[in-house]
N, C-alpha and C. Protein backbone atom coordinates (compact mmCIF):
# COMPACT_ATOMS: atom_id res chain seq x y z
N UNK A 1 -147.06 -149.08 23.69
CA UNK A 1 -145.76 -149.63 24.00
C UNK A 1 -145.54 -150.95 23.27
N UNK A 2 -146.53 -151.81 23.33
CA UNK A 2 -146.43 -153.10 22.66
C UNK A 2 -146.34 -152.90 21.14
N UNK A 3 -147.10 -151.94 20.62
CA UNK A 3 -147.04 -151.66 19.18
C UNK A 3 -145.64 -151.23 18.77
N UNK A 4 -144.99 -150.42 19.58
CA UNK A 4 -143.63 -149.98 19.28
C UNK A 4 -142.66 -151.16 19.30
N UNK A 5 -142.80 -152.03 20.27
CA UNK A 5 -141.96 -153.22 20.37
C UNK A 5 -142.14 -154.11 19.15
N UNK A 6 -143.39 -154.32 18.75
CA UNK A 6 -143.68 -155.16 17.59
C UNK A 6 -143.12 -154.54 16.31
N UNK A 7 -143.20 -153.23 16.21
CA UNK A 7 -142.66 -152.53 15.04
C UNK A 7 -141.15 -152.71 14.95
N UNK A 8 -140.46 -152.55 16.07
CA UNK A 8 -139.01 -152.72 16.10
C UNK A 8 -138.63 -154.17 15.81
N UNK A 9 -139.37 -155.12 16.37
CA UNK A 9 -139.09 -156.54 16.11
C UNK A 9 -139.26 -156.86 14.64
N UNK A 10 -140.27 -156.30 14.01
CA UNK A 10 -140.50 -156.53 12.59
C UNK A 10 -139.38 -155.91 11.75
N UNK A 11 -138.94 -154.71 12.13
CA UNK A 11 -137.84 -154.06 11.42
C UNK A 11 -136.56 -154.89 11.54
N UNK A 12 -136.28 -155.38 12.71
CA UNK A 12 -135.09 -156.22 12.91
C UNK A 12 -135.16 -157.49 12.10
N UNK A 13 -136.33 -158.12 12.08
CA UNK A 13 -136.51 -159.33 11.31
C UNK A 13 -136.24 -159.06 9.83
N UNK A 14 -136.74 -157.93 9.32
CA UNK A 14 -136.51 -157.59 7.92
C UNK A 14 -135.03 -157.31 7.66
N UNK A 15 -134.35 -156.68 8.60
CA UNK A 15 -132.92 -156.42 8.45
C UNK A 15 -132.13 -157.73 8.38
N UNK A 16 -132.51 -158.70 9.19
CA UNK A 16 -131.84 -160.01 9.17
C UNK A 16 -132.05 -160.67 7.81
N UNK A 17 -133.26 -160.63 7.32
CA UNK A 17 -133.55 -161.22 6.01
C UNK A 17 -132.73 -160.51 4.94
N UNK A 18 -132.72 -159.18 4.97
CA UNK A 18 -131.95 -158.40 3.99
C UNK A 18 -130.46 -158.72 4.07
N UNK A 19 -129.96 -158.87 5.28
CA UNK A 19 -128.54 -159.17 5.46
C UNK A 19 -128.16 -160.50 4.79
N UNK A 20 -128.96 -161.51 5.01
CA UNK A 20 -128.62 -162.85 4.52
C UNK A 20 -128.68 -163.00 3.00
N UNK A 21 -129.39 -162.12 2.33
CA UNK A 21 -129.45 -162.20 0.86
C UNK A 21 -128.44 -161.29 0.17
N UNK A 22 -127.68 -160.54 0.95
CA UNK A 22 -126.66 -159.66 0.36
C UNK A 22 -125.47 -160.46 -0.17
N UNK A 23 -124.81 -159.93 -1.19
CA UNK A 23 -123.55 -160.55 -1.63
C UNK A 23 -122.51 -160.50 -0.51
N UNK A 24 -121.55 -161.38 -0.60
CA UNK A 24 -120.54 -161.52 0.47
C UNK A 24 -119.81 -160.22 0.78
N UNK A 25 -119.43 -159.46 -0.25
CA UNK A 25 -118.70 -158.21 -0.01
C UNK A 25 -119.55 -157.20 0.74
N UNK A 26 -120.80 -157.10 0.41
CA UNK A 26 -121.69 -156.17 1.11
C UNK A 26 -121.81 -156.55 2.58
N UNK A 27 -121.94 -157.85 2.85
CA UNK A 27 -122.01 -158.32 4.24
C UNK A 27 -120.69 -158.03 4.97
N UNK A 28 -119.57 -158.24 4.29
CA UNK A 28 -118.26 -158.00 4.91
C UNK A 28 -118.08 -156.55 5.30
N UNK A 29 -118.54 -155.64 4.46
CA UNK A 29 -118.43 -154.21 4.78
C UNK A 29 -119.23 -153.91 6.04
N UNK A 30 -120.45 -154.43 6.11
CA UNK A 30 -121.26 -154.22 7.31
C UNK A 30 -120.62 -154.82 8.55
N UNK A 31 -120.04 -155.99 8.42
CA UNK A 31 -119.36 -156.63 9.55
C UNK A 31 -118.16 -155.83 10.01
N UNK A 32 -117.38 -155.33 9.06
CA UNK A 32 -116.20 -154.54 9.44
C UNK A 32 -116.60 -153.27 10.18
N UNK A 33 -117.59 -152.58 9.66
CA UNK A 33 -118.03 -151.35 10.32
C UNK A 33 -118.58 -151.66 11.70
N UNK A 34 -119.26 -152.78 11.85
CA UNK A 34 -119.80 -153.17 13.14
C UNK A 34 -118.69 -153.50 14.14
N UNK A 35 -117.69 -154.24 13.69
CA UNK A 35 -116.60 -154.63 14.58
C UNK A 35 -115.79 -153.42 15.02
N UNK A 36 -115.54 -152.51 14.09
CA UNK A 36 -114.79 -151.29 14.44
C UNK A 36 -115.62 -150.44 15.39
N UNK A 37 -116.92 -150.47 15.25
CA UNK A 37 -117.94 -149.88 16.12
C UNK A 37 -117.99 -148.36 16.09
N UNK A 38 -116.88 -147.69 16.12
CA UNK A 38 -116.88 -146.24 16.07
C UNK A 38 -116.95 -145.79 14.61
N UNK A 39 -117.49 -144.60 14.33
CA UNK A 39 -117.52 -144.14 12.94
C UNK A 39 -116.13 -144.22 12.31
N UNK A 40 -116.08 -144.70 11.07
CA UNK A 40 -114.80 -145.00 10.42
C UNK A 40 -114.83 -144.48 8.99
N UNK A 41 -113.68 -144.14 8.47
CA UNK A 41 -113.59 -143.63 7.11
C UNK A 41 -113.64 -144.76 6.09
N UNK A 42 -114.01 -144.41 4.87
CA UNK A 42 -114.00 -145.40 3.78
C UNK A 42 -112.59 -145.92 3.55
N UNK A 43 -111.61 -145.05 3.71
CA UNK A 43 -110.21 -145.44 3.51
C UNK A 43 -109.82 -146.55 4.47
N UNK A 44 -110.26 -146.45 5.71
CA UNK A 44 -109.94 -147.48 6.70
C UNK A 44 -110.64 -148.80 6.35
N UNK A 45 -111.89 -148.71 5.91
CA UNK A 45 -112.60 -149.93 5.50
C UNK A 45 -111.90 -150.57 4.32
N UNK A 46 -111.45 -149.76 3.37
CA UNK A 46 -110.72 -150.30 2.22
C UNK A 46 -109.45 -151.01 2.65
N UNK A 47 -108.73 -150.41 3.60
CA UNK A 47 -107.51 -151.04 4.11
C UNK A 47 -107.82 -152.38 4.77
N UNK A 48 -108.90 -152.44 5.53
CA UNK A 48 -109.31 -153.70 6.17
C UNK A 48 -109.70 -154.74 5.13
N UNK A 49 -110.46 -154.32 4.12
CA UNK A 49 -110.86 -155.25 3.07
C UNK A 49 -109.65 -155.81 2.34
N UNK A 50 -108.68 -154.94 2.07
CA UNK A 50 -107.47 -155.38 1.38
C UNK A 50 -106.67 -156.34 2.24
N UNK A 51 -106.54 -156.01 3.51
CA UNK A 51 -105.75 -156.84 4.42
C UNK A 51 -106.37 -158.22 4.61
N UNK A 52 -107.69 -158.26 4.68
CA UNK A 52 -108.38 -159.53 4.93
C UNK A 52 -108.72 -160.30 3.66
N UNK A 53 -108.48 -159.68 2.53
CA UNK A 53 -108.78 -160.29 1.22
C UNK A 53 -110.28 -160.51 1.01
N UNK A 54 -111.11 -159.81 1.76
CA UNK A 54 -112.56 -159.97 1.63
C UNK A 54 -113.10 -159.43 0.31
N UNK A 55 -112.38 -158.51 -0.31
CA UNK A 55 -112.84 -157.95 -1.57
C UNK A 55 -112.56 -158.88 -2.74
N UNK A 56 -111.79 -159.93 -2.50
CA UNK A 56 -111.45 -160.86 -3.57
C UNK A 56 -110.64 -160.18 -4.65
N UNK A 57 -111.03 -160.36 -5.88
CA UNK A 57 -110.31 -159.78 -7.02
C UNK A 57 -110.78 -158.36 -7.35
N UNK A 58 -111.80 -157.87 -6.68
CA UNK A 58 -112.33 -156.55 -6.98
C UNK A 58 -111.31 -155.48 -6.58
N UNK A 59 -111.15 -154.50 -7.45
CA UNK A 59 -110.29 -153.35 -7.16
C UNK A 59 -111.22 -152.24 -6.67
N UNK A 60 -111.05 -151.87 -5.42
CA UNK A 60 -111.92 -150.86 -4.83
C UNK A 60 -111.13 -149.63 -4.42
N UNK A 61 -111.76 -148.49 -4.60
CA UNK A 61 -111.27 -147.22 -4.06
C UNK A 61 -112.45 -146.60 -3.33
N UNK A 62 -112.21 -145.51 -2.62
CA UNK A 62 -113.28 -144.91 -1.82
C UNK A 62 -114.53 -144.62 -2.65
N UNK A 63 -114.35 -144.13 -3.86
CA UNK A 63 -115.50 -143.79 -4.70
C UNK A 63 -116.28 -145.02 -5.13
N UNK A 64 -115.60 -146.12 -5.39
CA UNK A 64 -116.30 -147.33 -5.84
C UNK A 64 -116.88 -148.14 -4.68
N UNK A 65 -116.52 -147.77 -3.47
CA UNK A 65 -117.07 -148.44 -2.30
C UNK A 65 -118.50 -147.99 -2.00
N UNK A 66 -118.82 -146.76 -2.37
CA UNK A 66 -120.13 -146.18 -2.05
C UNK A 66 -121.31 -147.02 -2.54
N UNK A 67 -121.31 -147.52 -3.78
CA UNK A 67 -122.46 -148.34 -4.20
C UNK A 67 -122.69 -149.59 -3.33
N UNK A 68 -121.62 -150.18 -2.84
CA UNK A 68 -121.77 -151.35 -1.95
C UNK A 68 -122.41 -150.92 -0.62
N UNK A 69 -122.00 -149.76 -0.14
CA UNK A 69 -122.54 -149.24 1.11
C UNK A 69 -124.02 -148.91 0.93
N UNK A 70 -124.33 -148.23 -0.15
CA UNK A 70 -125.72 -147.84 -0.40
C UNK A 70 -126.61 -149.06 -0.61
N UNK A 71 -126.15 -150.02 -1.35
CA UNK A 71 -126.95 -151.20 -1.68
C UNK A 71 -127.22 -152.05 -0.44
N UNK A 72 -126.26 -152.12 0.45
CA UNK A 72 -126.42 -153.01 1.59
C UNK A 72 -127.50 -152.54 2.56
N UNK A 73 -127.62 -151.24 2.74
CA UNK A 73 -128.57 -150.73 3.72
C UNK A 73 -128.15 -150.98 5.15
N UNK A 74 -126.95 -151.51 5.34
CA UNK A 74 -126.47 -151.83 6.68
C UNK A 74 -125.71 -150.67 7.32
N UNK A 75 -125.09 -149.89 6.47
CA UNK A 75 -124.18 -148.86 6.94
C UNK A 75 -124.79 -147.49 6.68
N UNK A 76 -124.64 -146.62 7.66
CA UNK A 76 -125.09 -145.24 7.47
C UNK A 76 -123.86 -144.35 7.38
N UNK A 77 -123.98 -143.29 6.61
CA UNK A 77 -122.90 -142.32 6.50
C UNK A 77 -123.27 -141.13 7.37
N UNK A 78 -122.42 -140.87 8.32
CA UNK A 78 -122.67 -139.83 9.31
C UNK A 78 -121.47 -138.89 9.32
N UNK A 79 -121.66 -137.67 8.95
CA UNK A 79 -120.61 -136.65 8.84
C UNK A 79 -119.38 -137.16 8.09
N UNK A 80 -119.62 -137.88 7.01
CA UNK A 80 -118.53 -138.38 6.19
C UNK A 80 -117.91 -139.69 6.64
N UNK A 81 -118.34 -140.20 7.76
CA UNK A 81 -117.80 -141.46 8.28
C UNK A 81 -118.88 -142.54 8.25
N UNK A 82 -118.45 -143.76 8.20
CA UNK A 82 -119.36 -144.89 8.15
C UNK A 82 -119.65 -145.39 9.56
N UNK A 83 -120.88 -145.73 9.79
CA UNK A 83 -121.29 -146.26 11.08
C UNK A 83 -122.38 -147.30 10.83
N UNK A 84 -122.56 -148.18 11.77
CA UNK A 84 -123.58 -149.22 11.63
C UNK A 84 -124.84 -148.75 12.35
N UNK A 85 -125.98 -149.05 11.77
CA UNK A 85 -127.25 -148.72 12.41
C UNK A 85 -127.31 -149.49 13.73
N UNK A 86 -127.70 -148.83 14.80
CA UNK A 86 -127.71 -149.47 16.13
C UNK A 86 -128.60 -150.72 16.17
N UNK A 87 -129.64 -150.75 15.36
CA UNK A 87 -130.51 -151.93 15.35
C UNK A 87 -129.81 -153.14 14.74
N UNK A 88 -128.69 -152.94 14.08
CA UNK A 88 -128.01 -154.04 13.41
C UNK A 88 -126.91 -154.68 14.25
N UNK A 89 -126.48 -154.03 15.30
CA UNK A 89 -125.41 -154.59 16.11
C UNK A 89 -125.70 -156.02 16.55
N UNK A 90 -126.93 -156.29 16.93
CA UNK A 90 -127.27 -157.62 17.43
C UNK A 90 -127.09 -158.69 16.35
N UNK A 91 -127.29 -158.32 15.09
CA UNK A 91 -127.12 -159.28 14.00
C UNK A 91 -125.68 -159.77 13.97
N UNK A 92 -124.75 -158.84 14.02
CA UNK A 92 -123.34 -159.18 13.92
C UNK A 92 -122.83 -159.87 15.18
N UNK A 93 -123.38 -159.51 16.32
CA UNK A 93 -122.99 -160.20 17.55
C UNK A 93 -123.38 -161.68 17.45
N UNK A 94 -124.57 -161.95 16.95
CA UNK A 94 -125.01 -163.34 16.81
C UNK A 94 -124.18 -164.10 15.78
N UNK A 95 -123.84 -163.43 14.70
CA UNK A 95 -123.05 -164.07 13.65
C UNK A 95 -121.66 -164.41 14.16
N UNK A 96 -121.03 -163.48 14.87
CA UNK A 96 -119.66 -163.70 15.34
C UNK A 96 -119.62 -164.63 16.53
N UNK A 97 -120.75 -164.80 17.21
CA UNK A 97 -120.81 -165.65 18.39
C UNK A 97 -120.87 -167.13 18.01
N UNK A 98 -121.16 -167.43 16.76
CA UNK A 98 -121.29 -168.84 16.34
C UNK A 98 -119.97 -169.53 16.20
């Protein structure tokens, strides 16, 4: 039991480290998927990015969004929709709580 807890704690610690070294857009995508919480389409994430100006000058479409999703490691694709790994929710809660 303790070994399992330590394993999960280590995984979470690595996820936090990985999150903080990501480029801003990659972090924003993870944050948006986390806030929406329910599985969401790439189109919806694109609309949010456009509305919030988080993408900056980058022109994104659903196909060009995939490399950001894959690189971040924060978002999982489940039956065609984006969702956040459950172990990552706590990261975003702490970030938004500040």
